[in-house]
Amino acid sequence: MTFSRHALGFSAAVLFATFFALPQGLAAQQHVVSSTDLQNDVANAAQVRQENIAKIDKFLSTDQAQRALKAGNVNYDVVKRGIPTLSDDELARLSARADKAQKDFAAGALTNEQITYIIIALAAAVIVLIAVH
C-alpha cells in the first residue's frame, strides 16, 4: 500500500512539474499552417478534382467514344455515374490517360481501332475501380 502511495505521489509531482515547466507561450503560438492556407489547399484540390472529372467525361462523351463504348457493350451511364466516386489519384491517372489519348489521336499517332481499345479500357478501369470501392 505504501508503494502505491509513493508511486502516485511521485507521478503527480512529475505531472505537475512538467505542466508548469512548459513555456507559457507554447499554447498561444500560431499553428504551422494557417486556416486560410488549409482552405486554399482544399479549394484547389476540389478544383483539380472537378477538372479531372470534366476531362474524363468530355473524353467519354464524344461521338467516337460513345460508338466505342456501344461496340464494347459498356453502359456509358454506369461509367458516368461512377467517375465522381473515384479517388483523386485515380481521377488524375485516368484524366492524364484520356488527355494523352486525345492528343495522340489528334496528332494521327493512333488508329481508330487503337482509340477504341483505349476508350473501352478507360471505361473498364472506371467500372473496376467502382467495384473495388
N, C-alpha and C. Protein backbone atom coordinates (compact mmCIF):
# COMPACT_ATOMS: atom_id res chain seq x y z
N MET A 1 0.81 -1.19 0.00
CA MET A 1 0.00 0.00 0.00
C MET A 1 0.86 1.26 0.00
N THR A 2 1.96 1.24 0.75
CA THR A 2 2.82 2.41 0.80
C THR A 2 3.52 2.63 -0.53
N PHE A 3 3.80 1.54 -1.25
CA PHE A 3 4.44 1.67 -2.55
C PHE A 3 3.53 2.41 -3.53
N SER A 4 2.25 2.07 -3.55
CA SER A 4 1.35 2.72 -4.48
C SER A 4 1.13 4.18 -4.11
N ARG A 5 1.18 4.53 -2.81
CA ARG A 5 1.05 5.92 -2.40
C ARG A 5 2.26 6.72 -2.88
N HIS A 6 3.42 6.12 -2.71
CA HIS A 6 4.64 6.80 -3.14
C HIS A 6 4.65 6.97 -4.66
N ALA A 7 4.24 5.91 -5.39
CA ALA A 7 4.21 5.97 -6.85
C ALA A 7 3.21 7.02 -7.32
N LEU A 8 2.06 7.06 -6.66
CA LEU A 8 1.03 8.03 -7.01
C LEU A 8 1.52 9.45 -6.74
N GLY A 9 2.14 9.66 -5.60
CA GLY A 9 2.66 10.97 -5.24
C GLY A 9 3.77 11.41 -6.19
N PHE A 10 4.64 10.48 -6.54
CA PHE A 10 5.73 10.79 -7.47
C PHE A 10 5.17 11.14 -8.85
N SER A 11 4.19 10.35 -9.32
CA SER A 11 3.56 10.61 -10.63
C SER A 11 2.90 11.97 -10.66
N ALA A 12 2.23 12.33 -9.58
CA ALA A 12 1.57 13.63 -9.51
C ALA A 12 2.59 14.76 -9.53
N ALA A 13 3.70 14.56 -8.83
CA ALA A 13 4.75 15.59 -8.80
C ALA A 13 5.37 15.77 -10.18
N VAL A 14 5.62 14.66 -10.89
CA VAL A 14 6.20 14.75 -12.23
C VAL A 14 5.24 15.45 -13.18
N LEU A 15 3.97 15.07 -13.12
CA LEU A 15 2.96 15.70 -13.96
C LEU A 15 2.86 17.20 -13.68
N PHE A 16 2.83 17.55 -12.41
CA PHE A 16 2.75 18.94 -12.01
C PHE A 16 3.96 19.73 -12.50
N ALA A 17 5.14 19.18 -12.31
CA ALA A 17 6.37 19.84 -12.73
C ALA A 17 6.42 20.00 -14.25
N THR A 18 6.00 18.96 -14.98
CA THR A 18 6.01 19.01 -16.44
C THR A 18 5.03 20.07 -16.95
N PHE A 19 3.87 20.12 -16.34
CA PHE A 19 2.85 21.08 -16.77
C PHE A 19 3.35 22.52 -16.64
N PHE A 20 3.98 22.81 -15.50
CA PHE A 20 4.42 24.19 -15.26
C PHE A 20 5.79 24.48 -15.86
N ALA A 21 6.48 23.44 -16.31
CA ALA A 21 7.79 23.66 -16.92
C ALA A 21 7.68 24.06 -18.39
N LEU A 22 6.53 23.79 -19.01
CA LEU A 22 6.34 24.15 -20.42
C LEU A 22 6.32 25.66 -20.56
N PRO A 23 6.86 26.16 -21.64
CA PRO A 23 6.83 27.62 -21.86
C PRO A 23 5.39 28.13 -21.90
N GLN A 24 5.19 29.29 -21.30
CA GLN A 24 3.85 29.86 -21.20
C GLN A 24 3.24 30.16 -22.58
N GLY A 25 4.04 30.58 -23.53
CA GLY A 25 3.53 30.97 -24.83
C GLY A 25 3.30 29.81 -25.78
N LEU A 26 3.64 28.58 -25.36
CA LEU A 26 3.53 27.44 -26.25
C LEU A 26 2.10 27.23 -26.74
N ALA A 27 1.16 27.36 -25.84
CA ALA A 27 -0.23 27.13 -26.22
C ALA A 27 -0.76 28.23 -27.13
N ALA A 28 -0.20 29.43 -27.00
CA ALA A 28 -0.71 30.56 -27.77
C ALA A 28 -0.02 30.73 -29.11
N GLN A 29 0.97 29.88 -29.41
CA GLN A 29 1.69 30.03 -30.67
C GLN A 29 0.77 29.77 -31.86
N GLN A 30 1.11 30.40 -32.96
CA GLN A 30 0.34 30.21 -34.19
C GLN A 30 0.61 28.82 -34.75
N HIS A 31 -0.41 28.23 -35.34
CA HIS A 31 -0.24 26.93 -35.97
C HIS A 31 0.75 27.04 -37.12
N VAL A 32 1.37 25.90 -37.43
CA VAL A 32 2.35 25.87 -38.50
C VAL A 32 1.69 26.22 -39.84
N VAL A 33 0.48 25.74 -40.05
CA VAL A 33 -0.27 26.03 -41.27
C VAL A 33 -1.52 26.81 -40.87
N SER A 34 -1.71 27.94 -41.49
CA SER A 34 -2.87 28.76 -41.14
C SER A 34 -4.15 28.16 -41.72
N SER A 35 -5.26 28.55 -41.14
CA SER A 35 -6.54 28.04 -41.63
C SER A 35 -6.82 28.54 -43.05
N THR A 36 -6.34 29.72 -43.38
CA THR A 36 -6.51 30.25 -44.73
C THR A 36 -5.76 29.38 -45.74
N ASP A 37 -4.54 28.98 -45.39
CA ASP A 37 -3.77 28.10 -46.27
C ASP A 37 -4.47 26.76 -46.46
N LEU A 38 -5.01 26.24 -45.37
CA LEU A 38 -5.74 24.97 -45.46
C LEU A 38 -6.97 25.11 -46.36
N GLN A 39 -7.71 26.20 -46.20
CA GLN A 39 -8.89 26.43 -47.02
C GLN A 39 -8.52 26.55 -48.49
N ASN A 40 -7.43 27.26 -48.77
CA ASN A 40 -6.97 27.40 -50.16
C ASN A 40 -6.56 26.05 -50.74
N ASP A 41 -5.87 25.24 -49.95
CA ASP A 41 -5.46 23.91 -50.43
C ASP A 41 -6.67 23.03 -50.73
N VAL A 42 -7.67 23.09 -49.86
CA VAL A 42 -8.89 22.30 -50.08
C VAL A 42 -9.62 22.79 -51.32
N ALA A 43 -9.70 24.09 -51.49
CA ALA A 43 -10.37 24.66 -52.67
C ALA A 43 -9.63 24.28 -53.94
N ASN A 44 -8.30 24.34 -53.92
CA ASN A 44 -7.50 23.97 -55.10
C ASN A 44 -7.67 22.49 -55.42
N ALA A 45 -7.67 21.65 -54.40
CA ALA A 45 -7.84 20.21 -54.62
C ALA A 45 -9.22 19.92 -55.21
N ALA A 46 -10.23 20.62 -54.72
CA ALA A 46 -11.58 20.43 -55.25
C ALA A 46 -11.67 20.88 -56.71
N GLN A 47 -10.99 21.97 -57.04
CA GLN A 47 -11.00 22.46 -58.42
C GLN A 47 -10.29 21.48 -59.35
N VAL A 48 -9.14 20.96 -58.93
CA VAL A 48 -8.41 19.98 -59.74
C VAL A 48 -9.26 18.73 -59.94
N ARG A 49 -9.93 18.31 -58.86
CA ARG A 49 -10.80 17.13 -58.95
C ARG A 49 -11.90 17.34 -59.99
N GLN A 50 -12.55 18.51 -59.95
CA GLN A 50 -13.63 18.81 -60.89
C GLN A 50 -13.10 18.88 -62.33
N GLU A 51 -11.92 19.43 -62.50
CA GLU A 51 -11.32 19.49 -63.83
C GLU A 51 -11.03 18.09 -64.37
N ASN A 52 -10.53 17.21 -63.51
CA ASN A 52 -10.24 15.84 -63.93
C ASN A 52 -11.52 15.09 -64.29
N ILE A 53 -12.56 15.28 -63.50
CA ILE A 53 -13.85 14.66 -63.81
C ILE A 53 -14.36 15.16 -65.15
N ALA A 54 -14.26 16.47 -65.38
CA ALA A 54 -14.72 17.07 -66.64
C ALA A 54 -13.94 16.53 -67.84
N LYS A 55 -12.61 16.38 -67.69
CA LYS A 55 -11.79 15.85 -68.80
C LYS A 55 -12.20 14.44 -69.17
N ILE A 56 -12.39 13.60 -68.15
CA ILE A 56 -12.78 12.20 -68.42
C ILE A 56 -14.16 12.16 -69.05
N ASP A 57 -15.08 12.94 -68.49
CA ASP A 57 -16.44 12.96 -69.02
C ASP A 57 -16.47 13.47 -70.46
N LYS A 58 -15.70 14.51 -70.73
CA LYS A 58 -15.65 15.07 -72.09
C LYS A 58 -15.10 14.02 -73.07
N PHE A 59 -14.06 13.33 -72.65
CA PHE A 59 -13.45 12.31 -73.49
C PHE A 59 -14.44 11.17 -73.78
N LEU A 60 -15.15 10.72 -72.75
CA LEU A 60 -16.06 9.59 -72.92
C LEU A 60 -17.40 9.98 -73.55
N SER A 61 -17.69 11.27 -73.62
CA SER A 61 -18.97 11.69 -74.20
C SER A 61 -18.88 12.05 -75.68
N THR A 62 -17.69 11.95 -76.27
CA THR A 62 -17.56 12.23 -77.70
C THR A 62 -18.30 11.16 -78.50
N ASP A 63 -18.66 11.49 -79.73
CA ASP A 63 -19.35 10.52 -80.59
C ASP A 63 -18.51 9.26 -80.77
N GLN A 64 -17.22 9.45 -80.99
CA GLN A 64 -16.34 8.30 -81.19
C GLN A 64 -16.31 7.42 -79.93
N ALA A 65 -16.23 8.03 -78.76
CA ALA A 65 -16.21 7.26 -77.53
C ALA A 65 -17.54 6.55 -77.31
N GLN A 66 -18.63 7.23 -77.62
CA GLN A 66 -19.94 6.61 -77.46
C GLN A 66 -20.08 5.38 -78.36
N ARG A 67 -19.59 5.49 -79.60
CA ARG A 67 -19.62 4.34 -80.50
C ARG A 67 -18.74 3.20 -79.98
N ALA A 68 -17.57 3.56 -79.47
CA ALA A 68 -16.65 2.54 -78.93
C ALA A 68 -17.24 1.85 -77.71
N LEU A 69 -17.87 2.62 -76.84
CA LEU A 69 -18.49 2.02 -75.66
C LEU A 69 -19.63 1.10 -76.05
N LYS A 70 -20.42 1.54 -77.02
CA LYS A 70 -21.52 0.71 -77.50
C LYS A 70 -21.00 -0.58 -78.13
N ALA A 71 -19.91 -0.46 -78.90
CA ALA A 71 -19.31 -1.65 -79.53
C ALA A 71 -18.76 -2.61 -78.48
N GLY A 72 -18.28 -2.07 -77.36
CA GLY A 72 -17.75 -2.91 -76.29
C GLY A 72 -18.79 -3.31 -75.27
N ASN A 73 -20.06 -3.02 -75.54
CA ASN A 73 -21.16 -3.33 -74.62
C ASN A 73 -20.93 -2.74 -73.23
N VAL A 74 -20.43 -1.51 -73.20
CA VAL A 74 -20.19 -0.81 -71.94
C VAL A 74 -21.26 0.26 -71.79
N ASN A 75 -21.94 0.25 -70.66
CA ASN A 75 -23.00 1.19 -70.39
C ASN A 75 -22.39 2.53 -69.95
N TYR A 76 -22.51 3.53 -70.79
CA TYR A 76 -21.93 4.85 -70.51
C TYR A 76 -22.50 5.45 -69.23
N ASP A 77 -23.78 5.26 -68.97
CA ASP A 77 -24.40 5.84 -67.77
C ASP A 77 -23.77 5.30 -66.49
N VAL A 78 -23.45 4.02 -66.48
CA VAL A 78 -22.80 3.42 -65.31
C VAL A 78 -21.42 4.05 -65.11
N VAL A 79 -20.70 4.20 -66.20
CA VAL A 79 -19.36 4.79 -66.13
C VAL A 79 -19.46 6.25 -65.68
N LYS A 80 -20.38 7.00 -66.27
CA LYS A 80 -20.54 8.43 -65.94
C LYS A 80 -20.89 8.63 -64.47
N ARG A 81 -21.78 7.78 -63.94
CA ARG A 81 -22.15 7.89 -62.52
C ARG A 81 -20.99 7.48 -61.62
N GLY A 82 -20.14 6.61 -62.10
CA GLY A 82 -19.04 6.12 -61.27
C GLY A 82 -17.83 7.03 -61.22
N ILE A 83 -17.66 7.86 -62.22
CA ILE A 83 -16.46 8.71 -62.29
C ILE A 83 -16.29 9.57 -61.03
N PRO A 84 -17.33 10.25 -60.54
CA PRO A 84 -17.13 11.09 -59.34
C PRO A 84 -16.81 10.31 -58.06
N THR A 85 -17.04 9.01 -58.06
CA THR A 85 -16.77 8.22 -56.86
C THR A 85 -15.31 7.79 -56.76
N LEU A 86 -14.53 8.04 -57.79
CA LEU A 86 -13.13 7.64 -57.78
C LEU A 86 -12.31 8.57 -56.89
N SER A 87 -11.19 8.06 -56.42
CA SER A 87 -10.30 8.89 -55.58
C SER A 87 -9.62 9.95 -56.45
N ASP A 88 -9.03 10.91 -55.79
CA ASP A 88 -8.32 11.98 -56.51
C ASP A 88 -7.19 11.41 -57.35
N ASP A 89 -6.45 10.45 -56.81
CA ASP A 89 -5.34 9.83 -57.55
C ASP A 89 -5.84 9.07 -58.77
N GLU A 90 -6.92 8.32 -58.59
CA GLU A 90 -7.48 7.57 -59.72
C GLU A 90 -7.98 8.51 -60.81
N LEU A 91 -8.64 9.58 -60.39
CA LEU A 91 -9.12 10.57 -61.36
C LEU A 91 -7.96 11.21 -62.11
N ALA A 92 -6.90 11.53 -61.40
CA ALA A 92 -5.74 12.17 -62.03
C ALA A 92 -5.11 11.23 -63.06
N ARG A 93 -4.97 9.95 -62.72
CA ARG A 93 -4.37 8.98 -63.66
C ARG A 93 -5.24 8.80 -64.89
N LEU A 94 -6.55 8.61 -64.69
CA LEU A 94 -7.44 8.40 -65.82
C LEU A 94 -7.57 9.65 -66.68
N SER A 95 -7.57 10.80 -66.04
CA SER A 95 -7.64 12.06 -66.78
C SER A 95 -6.39 12.23 -67.65
N ALA A 96 -5.24 11.91 -67.10
CA ALA A 96 -3.99 12.01 -67.87
C ALA A 96 -4.01 11.05 -69.06
N ARG A 97 -4.53 9.86 -68.85
CA ARG A 97 -4.61 8.89 -69.95
C ARG A 97 -5.57 9.35 -71.03
N ALA A 98 -6.70 9.89 -70.61
CA ALA A 98 -7.68 10.40 -71.58
C ALA A 98 -7.10 11.56 -72.36
N ASP A 99 -6.42 12.45 -71.66
CA ASP A 99 -5.78 13.61 -72.31
C ASP A 99 -4.74 13.15 -73.33
N LYS A 100 -3.90 12.20 -72.95
CA LYS A 100 -2.86 11.70 -73.84
C LYS A 100 -3.48 11.02 -75.06
N ALA A 101 -4.51 10.22 -74.83
CA ALA A 101 -5.17 9.53 -75.95
C ALA A 101 -5.76 10.54 -76.94
N GLN A 102 -6.39 11.58 -76.43
CA GLN A 102 -6.97 12.60 -77.32
C GLN A 102 -5.88 13.29 -78.14
N LYS A 103 -4.79 13.64 -77.48
CA LYS A 103 -3.71 14.33 -78.19
C LYS A 103 -3.05 13.41 -79.22
N ASP A 104 -2.83 12.15 -78.83
CA ASP A 104 -2.21 11.19 -79.76
C ASP A 104 -3.11 10.95 -80.96
N PHE A 105 -4.40 10.85 -80.73
CA PHE A 105 -5.34 10.62 -81.83
C PHE A 105 -5.38 11.84 -82.75
N ALA A 106 -5.42 13.02 -82.15
CA ALA A 106 -5.46 14.25 -82.95
C ALA A 106 -4.18 14.41 -83.78
N ALA A 107 -3.07 13.92 -83.26
CA ALA A 107 -1.80 14.02 -83.98
C ALA A 107 -1.63 12.90 -85.00
N GLY A 108 -2.60 11.98 -85.05
CA GLY A 108 -2.52 10.88 -86.01
C GLY A 108 -1.66 9.72 -85.53
N ALA A 109 -1.30 9.72 -84.25
CA ALA A 109 -0.45 8.65 -83.71
C ALA A 109 -1.25 7.39 -83.37
N LEU A 110 -2.58 7.50 -83.36
CA LEU A 110 -3.43 6.35 -83.03
C LEU A 110 -4.44 6.11 -84.16
N THR A 111 -4.70 4.85 -84.40
CA THR A 111 -5.74 4.49 -85.36
C THR A 111 -7.09 4.50 -84.66
N ASN A 112 -8.16 4.42 -85.44
CA ASN A 112 -9.49 4.33 -84.85
C ASN A 112 -9.61 3.10 -83.95
N GLU A 113 -9.03 2.00 -84.39
CA GLU A 113 -9.09 0.77 -83.60
C GLU A 113 -8.36 0.95 -82.26
N GLN A 114 -7.20 1.58 -82.29
CA GLN A 114 -6.45 1.79 -81.06
C GLN A 114 -7.19 2.71 -80.09
N ILE A 115 -7.77 3.78 -80.62
CA ILE A 115 -8.51 4.69 -79.74
C ILE A 115 -9.74 3.99 -79.17
N THR A 116 -10.35 3.12 -79.95
CA THR A 116 -11.50 2.34 -79.46
C THR A 116 -11.07 1.48 -78.28
N TYR A 117 -9.95 0.79 -78.41
CA TYR A 117 -9.45 -0.04 -77.32
C TYR A 117 -9.13 0.79 -76.08
N ILE A 118 -8.55 1.96 -76.29
CA ILE A 118 -8.23 2.83 -75.17
C ILE A 118 -9.49 3.29 -74.46
N ILE A 119 -10.49 3.66 -75.22
CA ILE A 119 -11.76 4.11 -74.63
C ILE A 119 -12.40 2.99 -73.82
N ILE A 120 -12.44 1.80 -74.38
CA ILE A 120 -13.04 0.67 -73.67
C ILE A 120 -12.22 0.35 -72.41
N ALA A 121 -10.90 0.40 -72.52
CA ALA A 121 -10.04 0.13 -71.36
C ALA A 121 -10.24 1.17 -70.27
N LEU A 122 -10.38 2.43 -70.67
CA LEU A 122 -10.60 3.50 -69.71
C LEU A 122 -11.93 3.31 -68.99
N ALA A 123 -12.97 3.00 -69.75
CA ALA A 123 -14.29 2.76 -69.14
C ALA A 123 -14.25 1.53 -68.25
N ALA A 124 -13.57 0.49 -68.68
CA ALA A 124 -13.46 -0.72 -67.87
C ALA A 124 -12.71 -0.42 -66.57
N ALA A 125 -11.68 0.42 -66.65
CA ALA A 125 -10.94 0.80 -65.44
C ALA A 125 -11.85 1.51 -64.46
N VAL A 126 -12.71 2.39 -64.95
CA VAL A 126 -13.66 3.09 -64.07
C VAL A 126 -14.56 2.08 -63.40
N ILE A 127 -15.09 1.14 -64.16
CA ILE A 127 -16.01 0.15 -63.60
C ILE A 127 -15.30 -0.72 -62.56
N VAL A 128 -14.09 -1.14 -62.85
CA VAL A 128 -13.33 -1.96 -61.91
C VAL A 128 -13.04 -1.17 -60.63
N LEU A 129 -12.63 0.07 -60.78
CA LEU A 129 -12.34 0.89 -59.60
C LEU A 129 -13.59 1.12 -58.76
N ILE A 130 -14.73 1.25 -59.41
CA ILE A 130 -16.00 1.42 -58.67
C ILE A 130 -16.27 0.14 -57.88
N ALA A 131 -16.08 -1.00 -58.52
CA ALA A 131 -16.35 -2.28 -57.85
C ALA A 131 -15.43 -2.50 -56.66
N VAL A 132 -14.20 -2.02 -56.77
CA VAL A 132 -13.22 -2.22 -55.69
C VAL A 132 -13.60 -1.38 -54.47
N HIS A 133 -14.19 -0.20 -54.70
CA HIS A 133 -14.58 0.67 -53.58
C HIS A 133 -15.72 0.04 -52.90
